Amino acid sequence: MTVRITGPSNEVEYVQADATTSKFGFAAKDGGTHRVCFTSQANSARQIELEFLSGVDTTDYSDLARKEHLKPLELQLRKMEDRVEGIHKEMLYQREREEKHRDTNESTNSRVMWFSILTIAVVLFTTTFQVQHLHAYLKRIKAL
């Protein structure tokens, strides 16, 4: 089985041939929609189990502890620090989204207000025209 991951610009970002039972990871070059394609030359059906992780969850702390010679307590502190940093980034992202939604909401409210004012003006103009037209019509009928 071959695994191919294509990025948002249709550029192949990852390829692994003969992926039978393995774990793999890659760092995306750009944010956006990525496509994962599995190709098999076998005629039989295969079962595929996928687990996608992102952010702090992708860190291999056992490998990190070996490389940096971390003690168990230091490793736990590193994990907590990474989690807190991930939460902080998520909060900043949510705040940015909230600001964009608020700006959109305020813009929509402004447009609705101006549309309402325009609608009221059109209704008043039409009412005035109809009253004058009816008044002139009744005068003509009475004059006949």
C-alpha atoms as a PDB file:
ATOM      1  CA  MET A   1       0.000   0.000   0.000  1.00  0.00           C
ATOM      2  CA  THR A   2       1.246   3.475  -0.834  1.00  0.00           C
ATOM      3  CA  VAL A   3       0.346   6.562   1.195  1.00  0.00           C
ATOM      4  CA  ARG A   4       0.437   9.961  -0.485  1.00  0.00           C
ATOM      5  CA  ILE A   5      -0.379  13.278   1.197  1.00  0.00           C
ATOM      6  CA  THR A   6      -1.113  16.271  -0.996  1.00  0.00           C
ATOM      7  CA  GLY A   7      -1.171  19.840   0.317  1.00  0.00           C
ATOM      8  CA  PRO A   8      -3.560  22.705  -0.425  1.00  0.00           C
ATOM      9  CA  SER A   9      -1.517  23.753  -3.487  1.00  0.00           C
ATOM     10  CA  ASN A  10      -1.768  20.196  -4.940  1.00  0.00           C
ATOM     11  CA  GLU A  11       1.902  19.658  -4.135  1.00  0.00           C
ATOM     12  CA  VAL A  12       2.849  16.209  -2.824  1.00  0.00           C
ATOM     13  CA  GLU A  13       4.098  16.693   0.737  1.00  0.00           C
ATOM     14  CA  TYR A  14       4.600  13.093   1.820  1.00  0.00           C
ATOM     15  CA  VAL A  15       4.888   9.688   0.133  1.00  0.00           C
ATOM     16  CA  GLN A  16       5.499   6.313   1.747  1.00  0.00           C
ATOM     17  CA  ALA A  17       5.567   3.130  -0.294  1.00  0.00           C
ATOM     18  CA  ASP A  18       4.899  -0.281   1.257  1.00  0.00           C
ATOM     19  CA  ALA A  19       3.029   1.167   4.232  1.00  0.00           C
ATOM     20  CA  THR A  20       1.615  -1.968   5.810  1.00  0.00           C
ATOM     21  CA  THR A  21       1.630  -1.253   9.533  1.00  0.00           C
ATOM     22  CA  SER A  22       3.487   1.879  10.406  1.00  0.00           C
ATOM     23  CA  LYS A  23       3.253   5.221  12.047  1.00  0.00           C
ATOM     24  CA  PHE A  24       4.442   8.277  10.237  1.00  0.00           C
ATOM     25  CA  GLY A  25       4.342  11.992  10.668  1.00  0.00           C
ATOM     26  CA  PHE A  26       5.045  15.033   8.597  1.00  0.00           C
ATOM     27  CA  ALA A  27       5.076  18.778   9.078  1.00  0.00           C
ATOM     28  CA  ALA A  28       2.686  20.560   6.747  1.00  0.00           C
ATOM     29  CA  LYS A  29       4.265  23.321   4.694  1.00  0.00           C
ATOM     30  CA  ASP A  30       1.061  25.351   4.450  1.00  0.00           C
ATOM     31  CA  GLY A  31      -2.170  25.464   6.389  1.00  0.00           C
ATOM     32  CA  GLY A  32      -5.323  24.334   4.670  1.00  0.00           C
ATOM     33  CA  THR A  33      -6.961  21.202   3.331  1.00  0.00           C
ATOM     34  CA  HIS A  34      -4.675  18.232   2.844  1.00  0.00           C
ATOM     35  CA  ARG A  35      -5.633  15.084   0.939  1.00  0.00           C
ATOM     36  CA  VAL A  36      -4.548  11.599   2.009  1.00  0.00           C
ATOM     37  CA  CYS A  37      -4.594   8.959  -0.722  1.00  0.00           C
ATOM     38  CA  PHE A  38      -4.103   5.232  -0.139  1.00  0.00           C
ATOM     39  CA  THR A  39      -3.246   3.119  -3.173  1.00  0.00           C
ATOM     40  CA  SER A  40      -3.079  -0.665  -3.105  1.00  0.00           C
ATOM     41  CA  GLN A  41      -2.008  -3.051  -5.832  1.00  0.00           C
ATOM     42  CA  ALA A  42      -3.671  -5.990  -4.065  1.00  0.00           C
ATOM     43  CA  ASN A  43      -7.063  -7.209  -5.219  1.00  0.00           C
ATOM     44  CA  SER A  44      -8.222  -7.993  -1.693  1.00  0.00           C
ATOM     45  CA  ALA A  45      -9.953  -5.600   0.652  1.00  0.00           C
ATOM     46  CA  ARG A  46      -7.860  -3.986   3.362  1.00  0.00           C
ATOM     47  CA  GLN A  47      -8.800  -2.323   6.589  1.00  0.00           C
ATOM     48  CA  ILE A  48      -7.231   1.045   7.334  1.00  0.00           C
ATOM     49  CA  GLU A  49      -7.238   2.652  10.742  1.00  0.00           C
ATOM     50  CA  LEU A  50      -6.337   6.335  10.879  1.00  0.00           C
ATOM     51  CA  GLU A  51      -5.520   8.531  13.808  1.00  0.00           C
ATOM     52  CA  PHE A  52      -4.660  12.138  13.032  1.00  0.00           C
ATOM     53  CA  LEU A  53      -2.823  14.163  15.643  1.00  0.00           C
ATOM     54  CA  SER A  54      -1.761  17.779  15.511  1.00  0.00           C
ATOM     55  CA  GLY A  55       0.056  20.285  17.637  1.00  0.00           C
ATOM     56  CA  VAL A  56       1.407  19.208  21.016  1.00  0.00           C
ATOM     57  CA  ASP A  57      -0.083  15.704  20.665  1.00  0.00           C
ATOM     58  CA  THR A  58       2.463  14.877  17.940  1.00  0.00           C
ATOM     59  CA  THR A  59       5.515  15.310  20.169  1.00  0.00           C
ATOM     60  CA  ASP A  60       7.367  12.102  21.002  1.00  0.00           C
ATOM     61  CA  TYR A  61       8.399  12.822  24.566  1.00  0.00           C
ATOM     62  CA  SER A  62      10.336   9.568  25.057  1.00  0.00           C
ATOM     63  CA  ASP A  63      12.630  10.507  22.175  1.00  0.00           C
ATOM     64  CA  LEU A  64      12.891  14.063  23.516  1.00  0.00           C
ATOM     65  CA  ALA A  65      13.838  12.781  26.992  1.00  0.00           C
ATOM     66  CA  ARG A  66      16.649  10.670  25.504  1.00  0.00           C
ATOM     67  CA  LYS A  67      18.012  13.502  23.361  1.00  0.00           C
ATOM     68  CA  GLU A  68      17.954  16.139  26.107  1.00  0.00           C
ATOM     69  CA  HIS A  69      18.737  13.747  29.001  1.00  0.00           C
ATOM     70  CA  LEU A  70      15.627  14.809  30.910  1.00  0.00           C
ATOM     71  CA  LYS A  71      14.729  13.353  34.266  1.00  0.00           C
ATOM     72  CA  PRO A  72      11.116  12.178  34.779  1.00  0.00           C
ATOM     73  CA  LEU A  73      10.133  15.341  36.649  1.00  0.00           C
ATOM     74  CA  GLU A  74      11.738  17.553  33.992  1.00  0.00           C
ATOM     75  CA  LEU A  75       9.922  15.584  31.313  1.00  0.00           C
ATOM     76  CA  GLN A  76       6.570  16.106  33.057  1.00  0.00           C
ATOM     77  CA  LEU A  77       7.316  19.827  33.340  1.00  0.00           C
ATOM     78  CA  ARG A  78       8.148  19.939  29.624  1.00  0.00           C
ATOM     79  CA  LYS A  79       4.856  18.228  28.801  1.00  0.00           C
ATOM     80  CA  MET A  80       2.942  20.678  30.972  1.00  0.00           C
ATOM     81  CA  GLU A  81       4.773  23.636  29.428  1.00  0.00           C
ATOM     82  CA  ASP A  82       3.923  22.405  25.921  1.00  0.00           C
ATOM     83  CA  ARG A  83       0.269  21.886  26.867  1.00  0.00           C
ATOM     84  CA  VAL A  84       0.029  25.385  28.355  1.00  0.00           C
ATOM     85  CA  GLU A  85       1.642  26.849  25.243  1.00  0.00           C
ATOM     86  CA  GLY A  86      -0.840  24.960  23.051  1.00  0.00           C
ATOM     87  CA  ILE A  87      -3.766  26.204  25.124  1.00  0.00           C
ATOM     88  CA  HIS A  88      -2.442  29.774  24.919  1.00  0.00           C
ATOM     89  CA  LYS A  89      -2.140  29.546  21.119  1.00  0.00           C
ATOM     90  CA  GLU A  90      -5.677  28.169  20.906  1.00  0.00           C
ATOM     91  CA  MET A  91      -6.983  31.020  23.078  1.00  0.00           C
ATOM     92  CA  LEU A  92      -5.282  33.599  20.852  1.00  0.00           C
ATOM     93  CA  TYR A  93      -6.754  31.922  17.784  1.00  0.00           C
ATOM     94  CA  GLN A  94     -10.235  31.900  19.334  1.00  0.00           C
ATOM     95  CA  ARG A  95      -9.886  35.575  20.292  1.00  0.00           C
ATOM     96  CA  GLU A  96      -8.919  36.440  16.712  1.00  0.00           C
ATOM     97  CA  ARG A  97     -11.913  34.495  15.362  1.00  0.00           C
ATOM     98  CA  GLU A  98     -14.226  36.215  17.856  1.00  0.00           C
ATOM     99  CA  GLU A  99     -12.967  39.634  16.714  1.00  0.00           C
ATOM    100  CA  LYS A 100     -13.603  38.738  13.058  1.00  0.00           C
ATOM    101  CA  HIS A 101     -17.106  37.487  13.877  1.00  0.00           C
ATOM    102  CA  ARG A 102     -17.849  40.621  15.894  1.00  0.00           C
ATOM    103  CA  ASP A 103     -16.708  42.851  13.002  1.00  0.00           C
ATOM    104  CA  THR A 104     -18.882  40.878  10.593  1.00  0.00           C
ATOM    105  CA  ASN A 105     -21.839  41.140  12.974  1.00  0.00           C
ATOM    106  CA  GLU A 106     -21.424  44.910  13.357  1.00  0.00           C
ATOM    107  CA  SER A 107     -21.139  45.352   9.585  1.00  0.00           C
ATOM    108  CA  THR A 108     -24.281  43.280   9.035  1.00  0.00           C
ATOM    109  CA  ASN A 109     -26.190  45.244  11.681  1.00  0.00           C
ATOM    110  CA  SER A 110     -25.188  48.498  10.005  1.00  0.00           C
ATOM    111  CA  ARG A 111     -26.337  47.277   6.605  1.00  0.00           C
ATOM    112  CA  VAL A 112     -29.667  46.063   8.016  1.00  0.00           C
ATOM    113  CA  MET A 113     -30.203  49.465   9.656  1.00  0.00           C
ATOM    114  CA  TRP A 114     -29.588  51.346   6.382  1.00  0.00           C
ATOM    115  CA  PHE A 115     -31.791  48.895   4.476  1.00  0.00           C
ATOM    116  CA  SER A 116     -34.577  49.478   7.022  1.00  0.00           C
ATOM    117  CA  ILE A 117     -34.248  53.256   6.679  1.00  0.00           C
ATOM    118  CA  LEU A 118     -34.380  52.944   2.878  1.00  0.00           C
ATOM    119  CA  THR A 119     -37.456  50.679   3.121  1.00  0.00           C
ATOM    120  CA  ILE A 120     -39.235  53.166   5.391  1.00  0.00           C
ATOM    121  CA  ALA A 121     -38.396  56.024   2.970  1.00  0.00           C
ATOM    122  CA  VAL A 122     -39.771  54.043   0.004  1.00  0.00           C
ATOM    123  CA  VAL A 123     -42.961  53.190   1.926  1.00  0.00           C
ATOM    124  CA  LEU A 124     -43.475  56.859   2.960  1.00  0.00           C
ATOM    125  CA  PHE A 125     -42.876  58.062  -0.606  1.00  0.00           C
ATOM    126  CA  THR A 126     -45.301  55.481  -2.009  1.00  0.00           C
ATOM    127  CA  THR A 127     -47.932  56.334   0.624  1.00  0.00           C
ATOM    128  CA  THR A 128     -47.652  60.061  -0.092  1.00  0.00           C
ATOM    129  CA  PHE A 129     -47.918  59.449  -3.846  1.00  0.00           C
ATOM    130  CA  GLN A 130     -50.981  57.219  -3.403  1.00  0.00           C
ATOM    131  CA  VAL A 131     -52.741  59.731  -1.120  1.00  0.00           C
ATOM    132  CA  GLN A 132     -52.127  62.606  -3.586  1.00  0.00           C
ATOM    133  CA  HIS A 133     -53.199  60.494  -6.532  1.00  0.00           C
ATOM    134  CA  LEU A 134     -56.384  59.359  -4.723  1.00  0.00           C
ATOM    135  CA  HIS A 135     -57.129  62.943  -3.646  1.00  0.00           C
ATOM    136  CA  ALA A 136     -56.786  64.211  -7.245  1.00  0.00           C
ATOM    137  CA  TYR A 137     -58.921  61.349  -8.552  1.00  0.00           C
ATOM    138  CA  LEU A 138     -61.736  62.043  -6.084  1.00  0.00           C
ATOM    139  CA  LYS A 139     -61.687  65.765  -7.003  1.00  0.00           C
ATOM    140  CA  ARG A 140     -62.051  64.871 -10.675  1.00  0.00           C
ATOM    141  CA  ILE A 141     -64.931  62.517  -9.969  1.00  0.00           C
ATOM    142  CA  LYS A 142     -66.699  65.134  -7.846  1.00  0.00           C
ATOM    143  CA  ALA A 143     -66.181  67.766 -10.573  1.00  0.00           C
ATOM    144  CA  LEU A 144     -67.877  65.615 -13.171  1.00  0.00           C
END
